[in-house]
Amino acid sequence: MWLERFVIVVVSLHRDFLNSSWGMYYPTRWDWMTYIGTIGMFLALMFLFLRILPAISIFEMRTLLPEAEVKPE
């Protein structure tokens, strides 16, 4: 979805309404910073989620497994 919007913007900047003003689109530093910023924000939120997400340790799983076994009668 992000790529579709990017293509719409770039094509509209590349092809103006007047034929005489057509030209190649070259991204500016603000465009690059926005692109890198979106990647950075995604990675920051992903790492924050992984940091806050409670992980189950192997020790806890080993102590819970014997209790969960069904004993035959």
Protein backbone atom coordinates (compact mmCIF):
# COMPACT_ATOMS: atom_id res chain seq x y z
CA MET A 1 0.00 0.00 0.00
CA TRP A 2 2.85 2.38 0.82
CA LEU A 3 4.51 1.58 -2.48
CA GLU A 4 1.29 2.26 -4.41
CA ARG A 5 1.02 5.71 -2.86
CA PHE A 6 4.68 6.37 -3.56
CA VAL A 7 4.20 5.44 -7.22
CA ILE A 8 1.18 7.75 -7.50
CA VAL A 9 3.15 10.69 -6.09
CA VAL A 10 6.28 10.06 -8.17
CA VAL A 11 4.34 9.62 -11.42
CA SER A 12 2.37 12.80 -10.77
CA LEU A 13 5.62 14.69 -10.17
CA HIS A 14 7.19 13.13 -13.26
CA ARG A 15 4.32 13.87 -15.67
CA ASP A 16 2.79 17.29 -15.20
CA PHE A 17 -0.33 18.51 -17.01
CA LEU A 18 1.75 20.50 -19.49
CA ASN A 19 3.91 18.55 -21.91
CA SER A 20 6.58 21.23 -21.81
CA SER A 21 7.15 20.74 -18.07
CA TRP A 22 7.70 16.99 -18.18
CA GLY A 23 10.97 15.85 -16.68
CA MET A 24 12.60 13.16 -14.61
CA TYR A 25 11.88 13.05 -10.89
CA TYR A 26 14.95 13.11 -8.67
CA PRO A 27 14.32 12.67 -4.95
CA THR A 28 15.59 15.43 -2.67
CA ARG A 29 17.25 14.92 0.67
CA TRP A 30 13.86 15.44 2.36
CA ASP A 31 12.45 12.55 0.34
CA TRP A 32 15.36 10.32 1.35
CA MET A 33 15.07 11.36 5.00
CA THR A 34 11.35 10.58 4.97
CA TYR A 35 12.04 7.18 3.44
CA ILE A 36 14.79 6.37 5.95
CA GLY A 37 12.63 7.75 8.76
CA THR A 38 9.77 5.39 7.95
CA ILE A 39 12.14 2.43 8.01
CA GLY A 40 13.68 3.69 11.26
CA MET A 41 10.29 4.21 12.90
CA PHE A 42 9.19 0.71 11.90
CA LEU A 43 12.37 -0.84 13.31
CA ALA A 44 12.16 1.21 16.52
CA LEU A 45 8.56 0.16 17.14
CA MET A 46 9.34 -3.47 16.29
CA PHE A 47 12.30 -3.59 18.71
CA LEU A 48 10.25 -1.81 21.38
CA PHE A 49 7.50 -4.40 20.96
CA LEU A 50 10.03 -7.23 21.22
CA ARG A 51 11.52 -5.66 24.35
CA ILE A 52 8.17 -5.24 26.10
CA LEU A 53 6.71 -8.56 24.92
CA PRO A 54 6.95 -10.99 27.84
CA ALA A 55 9.08 -13.89 26.73
CA ILE A 56 8.59 -17.33 28.27
CA SER A 57 11.88 -18.68 29.50
CA ILE A 58 12.96 -22.29 29.01
CA PHE A 59 13.21 -22.73 32.78
CA GLU A 60 9.55 -21.86 33.24
CA MET A 61 8.51 -24.23 30.48
CA ARG A 62 10.51 -27.10 32.00
CA THR A 63 8.85 -26.57 35.38
CA LEU A 64 5.36 -26.39 33.86
CA LEU A 65 5.60 -29.47 31.62
CA PRO A 66 5.70 -32.13 34.39
CA GLU A 67 2.68 -30.54 36.06
CA ALA A 68 0.67 -30.59 32.84
CA GLU A 69 1.13 -34.31 32.14
CA VAL A 70 -1.95 -36.47 32.61
CA LYS A 71 -1.33 -39.31 35.05
CA PRO A 72 -3.02 -42.62 34.21
CA GLU A 73 -5.42 -43.92 36.84
